[in-house]
C-alpha atoms as a PDB file:
ATOM      1  CA  UNK A   1      16.533 -12.293 -93.242  1.00  0.00           C
ATOM      2  CA  UNK A   2      17.344  -9.038 -94.582  1.00  0.00           C
ATOM      3  CA  UNK A   3      21.087  -7.925 -94.378  1.00  0.00           C
ATOM      4  CA  UNK A   4      21.647  -4.907 -92.045  1.00  0.00           C
ATOM      5  CA  UNK A   5      21.562  -1.445 -93.134  1.00  0.00           C
ATOM      6  CA  UNK A   6      24.900   0.730 -93.404  1.00  0.00           C
ATOM      7  CA  UNK A   7      24.074   3.974 -94.972  1.00  0.00           C
ATOM      8  CA  UNK A   8      27.019   5.576 -96.110  1.00  0.00           C
ATOM      9  CA  UNK A   9      29.409   3.912 -93.694  1.00  0.00           C
ATOM     10  CA  UNK A  10      31.491   2.169 -96.312  1.00  0.00           C
ATOM     11  CA  UNK A  11      30.887   4.036 -99.405  1.00  0.00           C
ATOM     12  CA  UNK A  12      34.470   4.475-101.161  1.00  0.00           C
ATOM     13  CA  UNK A  13      36.351   2.543 -98.700  1.00  0.00           C
ATOM     14  CA  UNK A  14      39.196   0.526-100.127  1.00  0.00           C
ATOM     15  CA  UNK A  15      38.270  -3.240 -99.242  1.00  0.00           C
ATOM     16  CA  UNK A  16      40.478  -6.426-100.091  1.00  0.00           C
ATOM     17  CA  UNK A  17      39.164  -9.686-100.021  1.00  0.00           C
ATOM     18  CA  UNK A  18      41.483 -13.052-100.401  1.00  0.00           C
ATOM     19  CA  UNK A  19      39.835 -16.173-101.620  1.00  0.00           C
ATOM     20  CA  UNK A  20      37.132 -13.801-103.111  1.00  0.00           C
ATOM     21  CA  UNK A  21      35.923 -16.858-105.134  1.00  0.00           C
ATOM     22  CA  UNK A  22      35.116 -19.091-102.353  1.00  0.00           C
ATOM     23  CA  UNK A  23      31.573 -19.270-100.737  1.00  0.00           C
ATOM     24  CA  UNK A  24      32.299 -16.847 -98.132  1.00  0.00           C
ATOM     25  CA  UNK A  25      34.620 -14.521-100.427  1.00  0.00           C
ATOM     26  CA  UNK A  26      31.949 -14.139-102.669  1.00  0.00           C
ATOM     27  CA  UNK A  27      29.313 -13.457 -99.904  1.00  0.00           C
ATOM     28  CA  UNK A  28      31.589 -10.811 -98.232  1.00  0.00           C
ATOM     29  CA  UNK A  29      32.851  -8.951-101.610  1.00  0.00           C
ATOM     30  CA  UNK A  30      29.199  -8.719-102.786  1.00  0.00           C
ATOM     31  CA  UNK A  31      28.231  -7.320 -99.241  1.00  0.00           C
ATOM     32  CA  UNK A  32      31.098  -4.680 -99.489  1.00  0.00           C
ATOM     33  CA  UNK A  33      30.026  -3.920-103.240  1.00  0.00           C
ATOM     34  CA  UNK A  34      26.490  -3.477-102.002  1.00  0.00           C
ATOM     35  CA  UNK A  35      27.156  -0.705 -99.665  1.00  0.00           C
ATOM     36  CA  UNK A  36      29.686   1.403-102.268  1.00  0.00           C
ATOM     37  CA  UNK A  37      32.953   0.116-101.424  1.00  0.00           C
ATOM     38  CA  UNK A  38      35.886  -0.287-103.943  1.00  0.00           C
ATOM     39  CA  UNK A  39      37.177  -4.075-103.951  1.00  0.00           C
ATOM     40  CA  UNK A  40      40.223  -5.748-104.565  1.00  0.00           C
ATOM     41  CA  UNK A  41      39.300  -9.336-105.237  1.00  0.00           C
ATOM     42  CA  UNK A  42      42.114 -11.561-104.938  1.00  0.00           C
ATOM     43  CA  UNK A  43      42.405 -15.360-105.725  1.00  0.00           C
ATOM     44  CA  UNK A  44      44.487 -18.124-107.226  1.00  0.00           C
ATOM     45  CA  UNK A  45      41.441 -19.111-109.646  1.00  0.00           C
ATOM     46  CA  UNK A  46      42.152 -16.575-112.600  1.00  0.00           C
ATOM     47  CA  UNK A  47      39.077 -17.430-114.699  1.00  0.00           C
ATOM     48  CA  UNK A  48      36.640 -17.482-112.035  1.00  0.00           C
ATOM     49  CA  UNK A  49      38.368 -14.068-110.460  1.00  0.00           C
ATOM     50  CA  UNK A  50      37.724 -12.618-113.917  1.00  0.00           C
ATOM     51  CA  UNK A  51      33.954 -13.750-114.022  1.00  0.00           C
ATOM     52  CA  UNK A  52      33.320 -12.544-110.182  1.00  0.00           C
ATOM     53  CA  UNK A  53      34.800  -9.191-111.429  1.00  0.00           C
ATOM     54  CA  UNK A  54      32.452  -8.812-114.702  1.00  0.00           C
ATOM     55  CA  UNK A  55      29.525  -9.877-112.386  1.00  0.00           C
ATOM     56  CA  UNK A  56      30.188  -7.144-110.018  1.00  0.00           C
ATOM     57  CA  UNK A  57      31.126  -4.605-112.736  1.00  0.00           C
ATOM     58  CA  UNK A  58      34.397  -3.815-110.938  1.00  0.00           C
ATOM     59  CA  UNK A  59      36.128  -1.972-114.311  1.00  0.00           C
ATOM     60  CA  UNK A  60      33.248   0.868-113.786  1.00  0.00           C
ATOM     61  CA  UNK A  61      34.055   1.130-109.910  1.00  0.00           C
ATOM     62  CA  UNK A  62      37.597   1.546-109.848  1.00  0.00           C
ATOM     63  CA  UNK A  63      38.178  -2.211-108.686  1.00  0.00           C
ATOM     64  CA  UNK A  64      41.054  -4.356-108.981  1.00  0.00           C
ATOM     65  CA  UNK A  65      41.753  -8.190-109.085  1.00  0.00           C
ATOM     66  CA  UNK A  66      44.765 -10.024-108.275  1.00  0.00           C
ATOM     67  CA  UNK A  67      45.641 -13.622-109.304  1.00  0.00           C
ATOM     68  CA  UNK A  68      47.602 -14.298-105.901  1.00  0.00           C
ATOM     69  CA  UNK A  69      48.832 -17.690-104.853  1.00  0.00           C
ATOM     70  CA  UNK A  70      49.091 -17.660-101.241  1.00  0.00           C
ATOM     71  CA  UNK A  71      51.409 -20.453-100.822  1.00  0.00           C
ATOM     72  CA  UNK A  72      54.076 -18.132-102.479  1.00  0.00           C
ATOM     73  CA  UNK A  73      55.448 -15.004-100.444  1.00  0.00           C
ATOM     74  CA  UNK A  74      56.432 -13.300-103.785  1.00  0.00           C
ATOM     75  CA  UNK A  75      52.650 -13.337-104.869  1.00  0.00           C
ATOM     76  CA  UNK A  76      51.528 -12.018-101.670  1.00  0.00           C
ATOM     77  CA  UNK A  77      54.098  -9.111-101.973  1.00  0.00           C
ATOM     78  CA  UNK A  78      52.727  -8.301-105.563  1.00  0.00           C
ATOM     79  CA  UNK A  79      49.181  -8.306-104.275  1.00  0.00           C
ATOM     80  CA  UNK A  80      50.342  -5.717-101.680  1.00  0.00           C
ATOM     81  CA  UNK A  81      52.514  -3.710-104.136  1.00  0.00           C
ATOM     82  CA  UNK A  82      49.524  -3.543-106.683  1.00  0.00           C
ATOM     83  CA  UNK A  83      46.916  -2.034-104.140  1.00  0.00           C
ATOM     84  CA  UNK A  84      49.479   0.632-102.937  1.00  0.00           C
ATOM     85  CA  UNK A  85      50.132   1.617-106.735  1.00  0.00           C
ATOM     86  CA  UNK A  86      46.744   1.669-107.305  1.00  0.00           C
ATOM     87  CA  UNK A  87      45.001   3.076-104.126  1.00  0.00           C
ATOM     88  CA  UNK A  88      48.348   3.803-101.753  1.00  0.00           C
ATOM     89  CA  UNK A  89      46.625   1.740 -98.808  1.00  0.00           C
ATOM     90  CA  UNK A  90      43.464  -0.275 -98.006  1.00  0.00           C
ATOM     91  CA  UNK A  91      41.283   0.733 -95.422  1.00  0.00           C
ATOM     92  CA  UNK A  92      40.010  -3.019 -94.808  1.00  0.00           C
ATOM     93  CA  UNK A  93      41.389  -6.201 -95.236  1.00  0.00           C
ATOM     94  CA  UNK A  94      39.749  -9.455 -94.973  1.00  0.00           C
ATOM     95  CA  UNK A  95      41.830 -12.660 -94.914  1.00  0.00           C
ATOM     96  CA  UNK A  96      39.133 -14.908 -96.049  1.00  0.00           C
ATOM     97  CA  UNK A  97      41.053 -17.523 -97.970  1.00  0.00           C
ATOM     98  CA  UNK A  98      41.482 -21.028 -96.264  1.00  0.00           C
ATOM     99  CA  UNK A  99      41.228 -24.435 -97.028  1.00  0.00           C
ATOM    100  CA  UNK A 100      40.061 -27.848 -95.269  1.00  0.00           C
ATOM    101  CA  UNK A 101      41.683 -31.051 -96.381  1.00  0.00           C
ATOM    102  CA  UNK A 102      40.984 -34.003 -94.385  1.00  0.00           C
ATOM    103  CA  UNK A 103      43.110 -36.906 -93.523  1.00  0.00           C
ATOM    104  CA  UNK A 104      44.442 -38.802 -90.222  1.00  0.00           C
ATOM    105  CA  UNK A 105      47.602 -37.198 -88.853  1.00  0.00           C
ATOM    106  CA  UNK A 106      49.518 -40.511 -89.345  1.00  0.00           C
ATOM    107  CA  UNK A 107      48.648 -40.322 -93.232  1.00  0.00           C
ATOM    108  CA  UNK A 108      49.384 -36.650 -94.038  1.00  0.00           C
ATOM    109  CA  UNK A 109      52.592 -35.895 -95.870  1.00  0.00           C
ATOM    110  CA  UNK A 110      54.891 -32.656 -95.162  1.00  0.00           C
ATOM    111  CA  UNK A 111      53.831 -30.997 -98.498  1.00  0.00           C
ATOM    112  CA  UNK A 112      50.249 -31.177 -97.445  1.00  0.00           C
ATOM    113  CA  UNK A 113      50.951 -30.030 -93.861  1.00  0.00           C
ATOM    114  CA  UNK A 114      52.702 -27.305 -95.520  1.00  0.00           C
ATOM    115  CA  UNK A 115      50.224 -26.342 -97.693  1.00  0.00           C
ATOM    116  CA  UNK A 116      47.346 -26.435 -95.141  1.00  0.00           C
ATOM    117  CA  UNK A 117      49.648 -24.064 -92.670  1.00  0.00           C
ATOM    118  CA  UNK A 118      50.911 -22.075 -95.374  1.00  0.00           C
ATOM    119  CA  UNK A 119      47.456 -20.921 -96.652  1.00  0.00           C
ATOM    120  CA  UNK A 120      45.753 -20.662 -93.304  1.00  0.00           C
ATOM    121  CA  UNK A 121      47.910 -19.101 -90.970  1.00  0.00           C
ATOM    122  CA  UNK A 122      51.247 -18.001 -93.142  1.00  0.00           C
ATOM    123  CA  UNK A 123      49.203 -16.368 -95.570  1.00  0.00           C
ATOM    124  CA  UNK A 124      47.261 -13.953 -93.084  1.00  0.00           C
ATOM    125  CA  UNK A 125      50.407 -13.229 -91.288  1.00  0.00           C
ATOM    126  CA  UNK A 126      52.243 -11.981 -94.746  1.00  0.00           C
ATOM    127  CA  UNK A 127      48.917 -10.259 -95.825  1.00  0.00           C
ATOM    128  CA  UNK A 128      48.448  -8.696 -92.792  1.00  0.00           C
ATOM    129  CA  UNK A 129      51.842  -7.588 -92.185  1.00  0.00           C
ATOM    130  CA  UNK A 130      52.095  -6.103 -95.816  1.00  0.00           C
ATOM    131  CA  UNK A 131      48.705  -4.345 -95.352  1.00  0.00           C
ATOM    132  CA  UNK A 132      49.296  -2.941 -92.193  1.00  0.00           C
ATOM    133  CA  UNK A 133      52.493  -1.375 -93.366  1.00  0.00           C
ATOM    134  CA  UNK A 134      50.642   0.446 -96.001  1.00  0.00           C
ATOM    135  CA  UNK A 135      48.256   1.647 -93.454  1.00  0.00           C
ATOM    136  CA  UNK A 136      50.838   2.834 -91.187  1.00  0.00           C
ATOM    137  CA  UNK A 137      52.511   5.110 -93.946  1.00  0.00           C
ATOM    138  CA  UNK A 138      49.366   6.630 -95.072  1.00  0.00           C
ATOM    139  CA  UNK A 139      48.187   7.213 -91.691  1.00  0.00           C
ATOM    140  CA  UNK A 140      45.004   5.142 -92.116  1.00  0.00           C
ATOM    141  CA  UNK A 141      42.967   3.731 -89.111  1.00  0.00           C
ATOM    142  CA  UNK A 142      41.940   0.619 -90.768  1.00  0.00           C
ATOM    143  CA  UNK A 143      40.585  -2.782 -89.901  1.00  0.00           C
ATOM    144  CA  UNK A 144      41.859  -6.393 -90.505  1.00  0.00           C
ATOM    145  CA  UNK A 145      39.373  -9.202 -90.226  1.00  0.00           C
ATOM    146  CA  UNK A 146      40.677 -12.707 -90.490  1.00  0.00           C
ATOM    147  CA  UNK A 147      37.828 -15.554 -91.006  1.00  0.00           C
ATOM    148  CA  UNK A 148      38.665 -18.358 -88.826  1.00  0.00           C
ATOM    149  CA  UNK A 149      36.523 -21.270 -87.346  1.00  0.00           C
ATOM    150  CA  UNK A 150      35.231 -22.558 -84.439  1.00  0.00           C
ATOM    151  CA  UNK A 151      37.766 -25.672 -84.782  1.00  0.00           C
ATOM    152  CA  UNK A 152      40.248 -23.314 -83.160  1.00  0.00           C
ATOM    153  CA  UNK A 153      38.530 -24.461 -80.064  1.00  0.00           C
ATOM    154  CA  UNK A 154      37.217 -27.984 -80.564  1.00  0.00           C
ATOM    155  CA  UNK A 155      39.323 -30.524 -82.209  1.00  0.00           C
ATOM    156  CA  UNK A 156      37.919 -32.685 -84.917  1.00  0.00           C
ATOM    157  CA  UNK A 157      39.186 -36.376 -85.981  1.00  0.00           C
ATOM    158  CA  UNK A 158      41.011 -36.220 -89.434  1.00  0.00           C
ATOM    159  CA  UNK A 159      41.216 -32.398 -89.561  1.00  0.00           C
ATOM    160  CA  UNK A 160      43.686 -32.144 -86.794  1.00  0.00           C
ATOM    161  CA  UNK A 161      45.928 -29.606 -88.822  1.00  0.00           C
ATOM    162  CA  UNK A 162      42.967 -27.254 -89.911  1.00  0.00           C
ATOM    163  CA  UNK A 163      42.017 -27.098 -86.199  1.00  0.00           C
ATOM    164  CA  UNK A 164      45.636 -26.376 -85.189  1.00  0.00           C
ATOM    165  CA  UNK A 165      45.918 -23.777 -88.040  1.00  0.00           C
ATOM    166  CA  UNK A 166      43.050 -21.731 -86.941  1.00  0.00           C
ATOM    167  CA  UNK A 167      43.908 -21.944 -83.001  1.00  0.00           C
ATOM    168  CA  UNK A 168      47.285 -20.349 -84.389  1.00  0.00           C
ATOM    169  CA  UNK A 169      45.566 -17.894 -86.595  1.00  0.00           C
ATOM    170  CA  UNK A 170      43.721 -16.919 -83.154  1.00  0.00           C
ATOM    171  CA  UNK A 171      46.796 -16.175 -81.309  1.00  0.00           C
ATOM    172  CA  UNK A 172      48.176 -14.405 -84.310  1.00  0.00           C
ATOM    173  CA  UNK A 173      45.142 -12.198 -84.729  1.00  0.00           C
ATOM    174  CA  UNK A 174      45.367 -10.941 -81.252  1.00  0.00           C
ATOM    175  CA  UNK A 175      49.075 -10.561 -81.610  1.00  0.00           C
ATOM    176  CA  UNK A 176      48.584  -8.283 -84.382  1.00  0.00           C
ATOM    177  CA  UNK A 177      45.611  -6.593 -82.403  1.00  0.00           C
ATOM    178  CA  UNK A 178      48.107  -5.744 -79.659  1.00  0.00           C
ATOM    179  CA  UNK A 179      50.901  -4.139 -81.734  1.00  0.00           C
ATOM    180  CA  UNK A 180      48.852  -2.377 -84.004  1.00  0.00           C
ATOM    181  CA  UNK A 181      46.322  -0.820 -81.932  1.00  0.00           C
ATOM    182  CA  UNK A 182      48.821   2.235 -81.136  1.00  0.00           C
ATOM    183  CA  UNK A 183      48.667   2.947 -85.250  1.00  0.00           C
ATOM    184  CA  UNK A 184      44.375   3.129 -85.052  1.00  0.00           C
ATOM    185  CA  UNK A 185      44.384  -0.428 -86.714  1.00  0.00           C
ATOM    186  CA  UNK A 186      42.072  -2.974 -85.550  1.00  0.00           C
ATOM    187  CA  UNK A 187      42.087  -6.670 -85.932  1.00  0.00           C
ATOM    188  CA  UNK A 188      39.747  -9.220 -85.287  1.00  0.00           C
ATOM    189  CA  UNK A 189      38.142 -12.688 -86.321  1.00  0.00           C
ATOM    190  CA  UNK A 190      34.872 -13.575 -87.707  1.00  0.00           C
ATOM    191  CA  UNK A 191      33.736 -17.395 -87.461  1.00  0.00           C
ATOM    192  CA  UNK A 192      31.225 -18.079 -89.524  1.00  0.00           C
ATOM    193  CA  UNK A 193      28.657 -21.159 -89.584  1.00  0.00           C
ATOM    194  CA  UNK A 194      28.629 -24.252 -91.856  1.00  0.00           C
ATOM    195  CA  UNK A 195      28.290 -23.436 -95.517  1.00  0.00           C
ATOM    196  CA  UNK A 196      28.682 -26.567 -97.671  1.00  0.00           C
ATOM    197  CA  UNK A 197      29.442 -26.256-101.465  1.00  0.00           C
ATOM    198  CA  UNK A 198      33.226 -25.598-101.179  1.00  0.00           C
ATOM    199  CA  UNK A 199      34.989 -26.675-104.483  1.00  0.00           C
ATOM    200  CA  UNK A 200      38.559 -26.015-102.981  1.00  0.00           C
ATOM    201  CA  UNK A 201      37.635 -28.289-100.033  1.00  0.00           C
ATOM    202  CA  UNK A 202      34.643 -30.547-100.988  1.00  0.00           C
ATOM    203  CA  UNK A 203      32.251 -32.331 -98.488  1.00  0.00           C
ATOM    204  CA  UNK A 204      30.826 -35.508 -99.036  1.00  0.00           C
ATOM    205  CA  UNK A 205      26.868 -35.548 -98.843  1.00  0.00           C
ATOM    206  CA  UNK A 206      27.173 -37.742 -95.849  1.00  0.00           C
ATOM    207  CA  UNK A 207      29.266 -35.140 -93.933  1.00  0.00           C
ATOM    208  CA  UNK A 208      26.912 -32.540 -94.870  1.00  0.00           C
ATOM    209  CA  UNK A 209      24.133 -34.121 -93.506  1.00  0.00           C
ATOM    210  CA  UNK A 210      26.000 -35.495 -90.426  1.00  0.00           C
ATOM    211  CA  UNK A 211      27.052 -31.659 -89.720  1.00  0.00           C
ATOM    212  CA  UNK A 212      23.431 -30.050 -90.284  1.00  0.00           C
ATOM    213  CA  UNK A 213      22.090 -32.674 -87.962  1.00  0.00           C
ATOM    214  CA  UNK A 214      24.360 -31.725 -84.910  1.00  0.00           C
ATOM    215  CA  UNK A 215      23.844 -27.784 -85.415  1.00  0.00           C
ATOM    216  CA  UNK A 216      22.175 -26.546 -82.337  1.00  0.00           C
ATOM    217  CA  UNK A 217      20.123 -23.840 -84.172  1.00  0.00           C
ATOM    218  CA  UNK A 218      19.326 -26.558 -87.038  1.00  0.00           C
ATOM    219  CA  UNK A 219      20.942 -25.099 -90.181  1.00  0.00           C
ATOM    220  CA  UNK A 220      23.751 -24.057 -92.258  1.00  0.00           C
ATOM    221  CA  UNK A 221      24.545 -20.583 -92.461  1.00  0.00           C
ATOM    222  CA  UNK A 222      22.599 -17.943 -94.562  1.00  0.00           C
ATOM    223  CA  UNK A 223      24.391 -16.007 -97.124  1.00  0.00           C
ATOM    224  CA  UNK A 224      24.540 -12.190 -95.481  1.00  0.00           C
ATOM    225  CA  UNK A 225      25.132 -13.390 -91.931  1.00  0.00           C
ATOM    226  CA  UNK A 226      29.025 -13.736 -91.903  1.00  0.00           C
ATOM    227  CA  UNK A 227      29.204 -10.587 -94.053  1.00  0.00           C
ATOM    228  CA  UNK A 228      27.004  -8.490 -91.530  1.00  0.00           C
ATOM    229  CA  UNK A 229      29.736  -9.754 -88.699  1.00  0.00           C
ATOM    230  CA  UNK A 230      32.220  -8.750 -90.908  1.00  0.00           C
ATOM    231  CA  UNK A 231      30.810  -5.131 -91.653  1.00  0.00           C
ATOM    232  CA  UNK A 232      29.902  -4.551 -88.105  1.00  0.00           C
ATOM    233  CA  UNK A 233      33.795  -5.066 -86.871  1.00  0.00           C
ATOM    234  CA  UNK A 234      35.092  -2.997 -89.632  1.00  0.00           C
ATOM    235  CA  UNK A 235      32.485  -0.180 -89.237  1.00  0.00           C
ATOM    236  CA  UNK A 236      32.427   2.827 -86.751  1.00  0.00           C
ATOM    237  CA  UNK A 237      30.099   1.003 -84.395  1.00  0.00           C
ATOM    238  CA  UNK A 238      32.934  -1.275 -83.330  1.00  0.00           C
ATOM    239  CA  UNK A 239      35.683   1.375 -83.121  1.00  0.00           C
ATOM    240  CA  UNK A 240      36.508   0.241 -79.533  1.00  0.00           C
ATOM    241  CA  UNK A 241      36.624  -3.402 -80.401  1.00  0.00           C
ATOM    242  CA  UNK A 242      39.844  -5.189 -81.332  1.00  0.00           C
ATOM    243  CA  UNK A 243      41.570  -8.735 -80.772  1.00  0.00           C
ATOM    244  CA  UNK A 244      37.904 -10.288 -80.156  1.00  0.00           C
ATOM    245  CA  UNK A 245      36.079 -13.045 -81.986  1.00  0.00           C
ATOM    246  CA  UNK A 246      32.708 -13.105 -83.089  1.00  0.00           C
ATOM    247  CA  UNK A 247      31.563 -16.154 -83.723  1.00  0.00           C
ATOM    248  CA  UNK A 248      28.339 -16.765 -86.092  1.00  0.00           C
ATOM    249  CA  UNK A 249      27.726 -20.409 -86.632  1.00  0.00           C
ATOM    250  CA  UNK A 250      24.303 -21.286 -84.993  1.00  0.00           C
ATOM    251  CA  UNK A 251      26.244 -22.624 -81.879  1.00  0.00           C
ATOM    252  CA  UNK A 252      27.814 -25.377 -83.870  1.00  0.00           C
ATOM    253  CA  UNK A 253      31.073 -24.715 -82.283  1.00  0.00           C
ATOM    254  CA  UNK A 254      29.863 -24.800 -78.728  1.00  0.00           C
ATOM    255  CA  UNK A 255      28.953 -28.214 -78.367  1.00  0.00           C
ATOM    256  CA  UNK A 256      27.124 -31.187 -80.142  1.00  0.00           C
ATOM    257  CA  UNK A 257      23.049 -32.306 -80.361  1.00  0.00           C
ATOM    258  CA  UNK A 258      24.209 -35.845 -80.451  1.00  0.00           C
ATOM    259  CA  UNK A 259      22.426 -38.021 -77.749  1.00  0.00           C
ATOM    260  CA  UNK A 260      24.266 -41.274 -76.959  1.00  0.00           C
ATOM    261  CA  UNK A 261      21.535 -42.743 -74.725  1.00  0.00           C
ATOM    262  CA  UNK A 262      17.708 -43.455 -75.558  1.00  0.00           C
ATOM    263  CA  UNK A 263      16.126 -40.222 -73.940  1.00  0.00           C
ATOM    264  CA  UNK A 264      12.767 -38.410 -74.855  1.00  0.00           C
ATOM    265  CA  UNK A 265      12.744 -34.815 -75.395  1.00  0.00           C
ATOM    266  CA  UNK A 266      12.181 -32.410 -72.519  1.00  0.00           C
ATOM    267  CA  UNK A 267       8.618 -31.260 -71.363  1.00  0.00           C
END
C-alpha cells in the first residue's frame, strides 16, 4: 500500500517529533522528511538519535536533534528553547514518545507509576505548552498531534496505568484544543495500530501472537498507516478538525475476535 501524496503541502514546515527513535517515531519522522519538512528529532537515546539523524542527512536540511529526558521538566524546556533559537517556532509538534510497562496494580511501585504518568501524560503537557507558546508568540497557526492508543477506552489487565495515562491524555488533548483554538492552533490525536518490536517496552512472542490473533483486520499496522493519519491531521485538508481522535488500528480497540464457545463460521 503506497503512502498518500502531499505535493508541497509540508515543504519547509518545521516539525518536532518526540520519541523519534522508536518504531512510530521513525515512521513519522521519515514520512515528514520524505515530503520536505524540516525535522527536530527528540529522543533520550543519544547514540540512536545521532545514527537516525545521519540516516536522514539532517545536517544538510537545517535539521535538529535534541537528547530529551521527558521525565525532566528542565530537559523539555531546553528542547523548546533549542527550537526557539534555531527556528523561532515549530509548525507541527508530534508527541509520539510513550512507554508501555506491564505489571499488576498491586505490584507497581510509586517510582514506576510516576515514570509512566511522567512520560505518557506530564511530558505531552509540558511539550505542548512550551511549543504552543512559541506558536502564539510568532503567530504560527500550527498543529499538535498526540500519539495515543485505543487503550484509552479499553482497560487491559496488567497495563492499567498505561490505559489510565492514555485516557487522561485524551482529556488533556481536548483541553488544549479548546484553549488554543482562538490562536488557530489545532490539537488532535492519532491512535495507531499494533506494531511489535519496541525496545523501550518489549513484548514477548506469546503476547505478540495473541494480540495479532484478535485484531479484526488480521494483521499488524504497516509503516505508512499511522504517519498518513498524522500528516492528514496536520494538513490543510484537516483545517476544520481539532480535538478529534483518528484511530488507525485495524479495529483492535473496538472489540476482540475471541470466541468463547464452539461456533462455526457464518455462512
